[in-house]
């Protein structure tokens, strides 16, 4: 329940919220006479629909309605930007690609030693989130059995790490075909130690940050079409897009035959970082400190 007596004491020159916290932020914005910025990490109703929840219907109505009640909107993918500008003036919508910490995600740091006797696949993320649980099921019940059927498990190691507790029924700790590491301190170190990062997630919208993280560590990535959505055009050529376990297997075979199938052009990645806009730019524009910048469409 919203405690308005507490909320009314908050002082702010600008208020930033997401879809879920909008109902609180609008009150703070009104009390202070401050501009309200809506941050769109993704389109929520699309995620709910992909998860099979009927709540996507009221969420779609609600989400569209609040787009018209804020002073500015930011998106982290061009796809979401194009969705939002269908409903509001594009001059208040800002495409702000996600930024990454180059101290963590870079190709030059220490690499974890998974062992050089096999091709090391890596999947990671918040392992208690629905989209990642489905990805774990894909890996355990579809990809690994296919590798086994093709007599490739002796040549491939499946490594998994991440925060959150995965469902007990998946028995990751007890699976002899999975090297489950749990939570790790430095994800960049483990990404650099892998030969190929796999991202078999199916939820649409947003930008899958882990794809960028892997690329910034100089590692190739095989993804589903959904996971490729929202990626900047200049980075898409460094990912392998496959729809099913057979497609993932084909890419794995390529790397078994030639582990350096595609060199990652780190210069392109650094250019991507340099052109990134930040929330500071958006705030300055909304407050009138700078002239509003124009959206540079990709491609």
Protein backbone atom coordinates (compact mmCIF):
# COMPACT_ATOMS: atom_id res chain seq x y z
CA UNK A 1 0.00 0.00 0.00
CA UNK A 2 1.31 3.46 -0.91
CA UNK A 3 2.22 5.56 2.16
CA UNK A 4 1.53 9.04 0.79
CA UNK A 5 2.60 10.72 4.02
CA UNK A 6 6.10 9.37 3.50
CA UNK A 7 6.15 9.84 -0.27
CA UNK A 8 5.06 13.46 0.06
CA UNK A 9 8.29 14.25 1.94
CA UNK A 10 10.48 13.24 -1.00
CA UNK A 11 12.14 16.18 -2.76
CA UNK A 12 13.24 15.75 -6.36
CA UNK A 13 14.20 17.93 -9.32
CA UNK A 14 13.48 15.06 -11.70
CA UNK A 15 11.73 11.73 -11.11
CA UNK A 16 12.73 8.50 -12.87
CA UNK A 17 10.62 5.34 -12.87
CA UNK A 18 9.82 2.17 -14.76
CA UNK A 19 6.43 0.73 -15.65
CA UNK A 20 5.99 -1.02 -12.29
CA UNK A 21 6.88 2.01 -10.14
CA UNK A 22 5.02 4.60 -12.22
CA UNK A 23 2.09 4.80 -9.76
CA UNK A 24 4.47 6.04 -7.04
CA UNK A 25 6.63 8.21 -9.28
CA UNK A 26 3.68 10.15 -10.69
CA UNK A 27 2.72 11.22 -7.16
CA UNK A 28 6.27 12.38 -6.34
CA UNK A 29 6.46 14.20 -9.66
CA UNK A 30 3.19 16.04 -9.01
CA UNK A 31 4.12 17.06 -5.46
CA UNK A 32 7.44 18.51 -6.62
CA UNK A 33 6.33 19.89 -9.97
CA UNK A 34 9.21 17.85 -11.45
CA UNK A 35 9.47 16.21 -14.88
CA UNK A 36 8.84 12.47 -14.96
CA UNK A 37 11.05 10.13 -17.02
CA UNK A 38 9.85 6.61 -17.82
CA UNK A 39 12.63 4.04 -18.37
CA UNK A 40 11.58 1.19 -20.66
CA UNK A 41 13.90 -1.78 -20.16
CA UNK A 42 11.43 -3.73 -22.27
CA UNK A 43 7.78 -3.84 -23.26
CA UNK A 44 6.23 -5.56 -20.24
CA UNK A 45 3.04 -6.82 -21.87
CA UNK A 46 5.05 -8.62 -24.54
CA UNK A 47 7.03 -10.47 -21.88
CA UNK A 48 3.84 -11.47 -20.07
CA UNK A 49 2.33 -12.71 -23.31
CA UNK A 50 5.46 -14.72 -24.11
CA UNK A 51 5.25 -16.28 -20.62
CA UNK A 52 1.67 -17.33 -21.32
CA UNK A 53 0.08 -15.00 -18.77
CA UNK A 54 -3.36 -13.56 -19.60
CA UNK A 55 -2.43 -10.50 -17.53
CA UNK A 56 -0.71 -9.21 -20.66
CA UNK A 57 -4.10 -7.88 -21.81
CA UNK A 58 -4.68 -5.33 -19.01
CA UNK A 59 -0.94 -4.60 -18.90
CA UNK A 60 -0.97 -3.69 -22.60
CA UNK A 61 -3.73 -1.14 -21.96
CA UNK A 62 -2.02 0.25 -18.85
CA UNK A 63 1.41 0.41 -20.45
CA UNK A 64 0.14 2.34 -23.47
CA UNK A 65 -1.76 4.76 -21.24
CA UNK A 66 1.21 5.76 -19.10
CA UNK A 67 3.33 6.49 -22.16
CA UNK A 68 1.18 9.59 -22.66
CA UNK A 69 1.48 10.76 -19.05
CA UNK A 70 5.25 11.29 -18.72
CA UNK A 71 7.64 13.99 -19.86
CA UNK A 72 10.23 11.70 -21.44
CA UNK A 73 10.75 8.02 -22.20
CA UNK A 74 13.98 6.09 -22.65
CA UNK A 75 14.40 2.70 -24.34
CA UNK A 76 17.45 0.44 -24.41
CA UNK A 77 16.68 -1.07 -27.81
CA UNK A 78 15.80 0.49 -31.14
CA UNK A 79 12.98 -2.02 -31.51
CA UNK A 80 11.34 -0.74 -28.32
CA UNK A 81 11.98 2.85 -29.41
CA UNK A 82 10.08 2.21 -32.63
CA UNK A 83 7.19 0.69 -30.67
CA UNK A 84 6.93 3.64 -28.27
CA UNK A 85 7.00 6.36 -30.94
CA UNK A 86 3.83 4.89 -32.44
CA UNK A 87 1.93 6.29 -29.46
CA UNK A 88 3.75 9.49 -28.41
CA UNK A 89 5.69 12.37 -29.92
CA UNK A 90 9.11 11.02 -30.89
CA UNK A 91 10.72 14.21 -29.55
CA UNK A 92 10.20 12.96 -26.00
CA UNK A 93 11.54 9.44 -26.68
CA UNK A 94 15.26 8.72 -26.28
CA UNK A 95 17.15 5.65 -27.43
CA UNK A 96 19.81 4.98 -24.78
CA UNK A 97 21.70 1.73 -25.50
CA UNK A 98 22.81 -0.17 -22.39
CA UNK A 99 26.27 0.63 -21.13
CA UNK A 100 28.66 -1.98 -19.76
CA UNK A 101 31.52 -1.76 -17.30
CA UNK A 102 34.66 -2.16 -19.47
CA UNK A 103 36.66 -3.07 -16.36
CA UNK A 104 34.58 -6.24 -16.01
CA UNK A 105 33.58 -7.01 -19.58
CA UNK A 106 36.65 -6.86 -21.81
CA UNK A 107 38.75 -9.40 -23.73
CA UNK A 108 42.03 -8.71 -21.91
CA UNK A 109 41.35 -9.78 -18.31
CA UNK A 110 41.99 -13.05 -16.49
CA UNK A 111 40.22 -16.10 -17.95
CA UNK A 112 38.80 -18.89 -15.84
CA UNK A 113 40.25 -22.30 -16.68
CA UNK A 114 37.36 -24.67 -17.42
CA UNK A 115 39.84 -27.15 -18.87
CA UNK A 116 41.28 -27.33 -22.37
CA UNK A 117 40.21 -30.90 -23.09
CA UNK A 118 36.76 -29.95 -24.41
CA UNK A 119 34.90 -27.15 -26.15
CA UNK A 120 33.50 -25.06 -23.31
CA UNK A 121 29.92 -23.83 -23.70
CA UNK A 122 28.62 -21.28 -21.20
CA UNK A 123 25.16 -20.24 -20.11
CA UNK A 124 24.63 -17.74 -17.31
CA UNK A 125 22.06 -15.35 -15.84
CA UNK A 126 19.58 -15.04 -12.98
CA UNK A 127 18.68 -18.70 -12.76
CA UNK A 128 15.40 -18.22 -10.89
CA UNK A 129 13.83 -16.03 -13.59
CA UNK A 130 11.20 -17.70 -15.81
CA UNK A 131 12.98 -17.02 -19.11
CA UNK A 132 16.23 -18.50 -17.79
CA UNK A 133 14.48 -21.50 -16.25
CA UNK A 134 13.06 -22.25 -19.70
CA UNK A 135 16.56 -21.87 -21.15
CA UNK A 136 17.90 -24.33 -18.55
CA UNK A 137 15.19 -26.81 -19.55
CA UNK A 138 16.21 -26.38 -23.19
CA UNK A 139 19.85 -27.06 -22.34
CA UNK A 140 19.14 -30.03 -20.07
CA UNK A 141 16.31 -31.74 -21.95
CA UNK A 142 17.00 -30.87 -25.58
CA UNK A 143 20.56 -29.71 -26.25
CA UNK A 144 22.45 -32.14 -24.01
CA UNK A 145 20.47 -35.21 -25.20
CA UNK A 146 21.18 -34.14 -28.79
CA UNK A 147 24.90 -33.80 -28.03
CA UNK A 148 24.76 -37.24 -26.44
CA UNK A 149 22.95 -38.71 -29.44
CA UNK A 150 25.68 -37.35 -31.75
CA UNK A 151 28.45 -38.69 -29.47
CA UNK A 152 29.71 -35.17 -28.78
CA UNK A 153 29.49 -35.00 -24.98
CA UNK A 154 33.06 -36.29 -24.79
CA UNK A 155 34.13 -33.21 -26.74
CA UNK A 156 31.83 -30.57 -25.20
CA UNK A 157 31.51 -29.26 -21.63
CA UNK A 158 28.33 -27.43 -20.61
CA UNK A 159 29.12 -24.78 -17.97
CA UNK A 160 26.45 -22.81 -16.09
CA UNK A 161 26.70 -20.05 -13.49
CA UNK A 162 24.39 -17.40 -12.15
CA UNK A 163 22.59 -15.78 -9.28
CA UNK A 164 19.30 -17.01 -7.86
CA UNK A 165 18.38 -20.58 -7.02
CA UNK A 166 17.34 -22.71 -10.00
CA UNK A 167 14.40 -25.11 -9.50
CA UNK A 168 15.37 -28.22 -7.55
CA UNK A 169 13.70 -30.48 -10.09
CA UNK A 170 16.35 -29.53 -12.65
CA UNK A 171 18.99 -31.13 -10.37
CA UNK A 172 21.82 -29.09 -11.89
CA UNK A 173 24.20 -30.05 -9.08
CA UNK A 174 23.62 -33.75 -9.66
CA UNK A 175 23.80 -33.71 -13.46
CA UNK A 176 27.08 -35.27 -14.60
CA UNK A 177 26.74 -33.53 -17.97
CA UNK A 178 26.60 -30.03 -16.47
CA UNK A 179 29.38 -28.12 -14.72
CA UNK A 180 27.21 -26.01 -12.40
CA UNK A 181 29.19 -23.26 -10.66
CA UNK A 182 26.47 -21.30 -8.85
CA UNK A 183 27.25 -17.66 -8.08
CA UNK A 184 30.62 -16.32 -9.25
CA UNK A 185 32.44 -13.16 -8.17
CA UNK A 186 33.68 -11.95 -11.55
CA UNK A 187 31.43 -12.92 -14.49
CA UNK A 188 33.89 -11.47 -17.01
CA UNK A 189 36.56 -13.95 -15.96
CA UNK A 190 34.24 -16.91 -16.60
CA UNK A 191 32.94 -15.52 -19.89
CA UNK A 192 36.51 -15.11 -21.16
CA UNK A 193 37.21 -18.74 -20.19
CA UNK A 194 34.44 -20.06 -22.43
CA UNK A 195 34.72 -20.91 -26.11
CA UNK A 196 31.09 -20.21 -26.99
CA UNK A 197 28.32 -18.49 -25.00
CA UNK A 198 24.79 -19.80 -25.54
CA UNK A 199 21.66 -17.69 -24.93
CA UNK A 200 18.60 -19.84 -25.70
CA UNK A 201 16.05 -17.48 -24.15
CA UNK A 202 12.69 -16.97 -25.81
CA UNK A 203 11.18 -13.82 -24.27
CA UNK A 204 10.93 -10.91 -26.74
CA UNK A 205 11.73 -7.24 -26.26
CA UNK A 206 14.55 -5.24 -24.74
CA UNK A 207 18.21 -5.96 -25.28
CA UNK A 208 19.68 -9.13 -23.81
CA UNK A 209 22.53 -7.61 -21.83
CA UNK A 210 24.41 -10.90 -21.49
CA UNK A 211 24.82 -11.02 -25.29
CA UNK A 212 26.61 -7.66 -25.15
CA UNK A 213 28.64 -8.80 -22.14
CA UNK A 214 29.90 -11.86 -24.00
CA UNK A 215 30.76 -9.86 -27.12
CA UNK A 216 32.64 -7.29 -25.05
CA UNK A 217 34.67 -10.15 -23.59
CA UNK A 218 35.57 -11.15 -27.15
CA UNK A 219 33.44 -14.28 -27.13
CA UNK A 220 31.08 -15.49 -29.87
CA UNK A 221 27.45 -16.07 -28.96
CA UNK A 222 24.72 -18.34 -30.31
CA UNK A 223 21.23 -17.01 -29.61
CA UNK A 224 17.57 -17.49 -30.43
CA UNK A 225 15.87 -14.94 -32.71
CA UNK A 226 14.19 -13.49 -29.61
CA UNK A 227 17.53 -12.98 -27.86
CA UNK A 228 18.90 -11.21 -30.94
CA UNK A 229 16.10 -8.64 -30.88
CA UNK A 230 17.21 -5.20 -29.80
CA UNK A 231 20.87 -5.73 -30.59
CA UNK A 232 22.53 -2.81 -32.37
CA UNK A 233 22.91 -3.57 -36.07
CA UNK A 234 26.69 -3.23 -35.98
CA UNK A 235 26.92 -6.07 -33.44
CA UNK A 236 24.44 -8.52 -34.97
CA UNK A 237 27.01 -9.93 -37.40
CA UNK A 238 28.97 -11.32 -34.45
CA UNK A 239 26.17 -13.55 -33.18
CA UNK A 240 24.83 -16.83 -34.53
CA UNK A 241 21.03 -16.89 -34.61
CA UNK A 242 19.36 -20.31 -34.40
CA UNK A 243 15.78 -21.33 -33.65
CA UNK A 244 16.15 -24.80 -32.13
CA UNK A 245 18.50 -27.39 -30.66
CA UNK A 246 19.53 -28.63 -34.13
CA UNK A 247 20.62 -25.10 -35.04
CA UNK A 248 22.59 -24.71 -31.81
CA UNK A 249 24.22 -28.08 -32.54
CA UNK A 250 25.29 -26.92 -36.02
CA UNK A 251 27.09 -23.91 -34.52
CA UNK A 252 28.74 -26.08 -31.86
CA UNK A 253 30.00 -28.40 -34.61
CA UNK A 254 31.53 -25.41 -36.42
CA UNK A 255 33.45 -24.50 -33.30
CA UNK A 256 34.58 -28.07 -32.74
CA UNK A 257 36.05 -28.03 -36.23
CA UNK A 258 37.43 -24.48 -35.96
CA UNK A 259 37.32 -22.77 -32.51
CA UNK A 260 38.11 -19.38 -34.10
CA UNK A 261 35.27 -19.32 -36.64
CA UNK A 262 34.79 -15.56 -36.26
CA UNK A 263 37.07 -12.98 -34.70
CA UNK A 264 35.23 -10.30 -32.73
CA UNK A 265 36.13 -6.82 -33.95
CA UNK A 266 36.72 -5.04 -30.64
CA UNK A 267 37.07 -1.73 -32.49
CA UNK A 268 33.38 -1.92 -33.41
CA UNK A 269 32.54 -2.60 -29.77
CA UNK A 270 34.54 0.41 -28.57
CA UNK A 271 32.79 2.60 -31.15
CA UNK A 272 29.48 1.35 -29.75
CA UNK A 273 30.55 2.37 -26.24
CA UNK A 274 31.74 5.80 -27.32
CA UNK A 275 28.45 6.72 -29.00
CA UNK A 276 26.32 5.55 -26.09
CA UNK A 277 24.06 8.19 -24.64
CA UNK A 278 23.42 8.19 -20.93
CA UNK A 279 20.59 9.04 -18.58
CA UNK A 280 22.52 12.22 -17.76
CA UNK A 281 21.96 13.36 -21.35
CA UNK A 282 18.24 12.72 -21.07
CA UNK A 283 17.94 14.56 -17.74
CA UNK A 284 19.86 17.54 -19.11
CA UNK A 285 17.56 17.65 -22.12
CA UNK A 286 14.36 17.39 -20.05
CA UNK A 287 15.55 20.12 -17.68
CA UNK A 288 16.56 22.31 -20.61
CA UNK A 289 20.25 22.36 -19.73
CA UNK A 290 21.12 21.22 -23.24
CA UNK A 291 19.28 21.30 -26.52
CA UNK A 292 17.46 18.02 -27.11
CA UNK A 293 19.62 15.61 -29.08
CA UNK A 294 18.24 13.79 -32.09
CA UNK A 295 17.73 10.05 -32.29
CA UNK A 296 20.23 8.40 -34.57
CA UNK A 297 18.54 5.40 -36.08
CA UNK A 298 20.69 2.31 -36.55
CA UNK A 299 21.56 0.88 -39.88
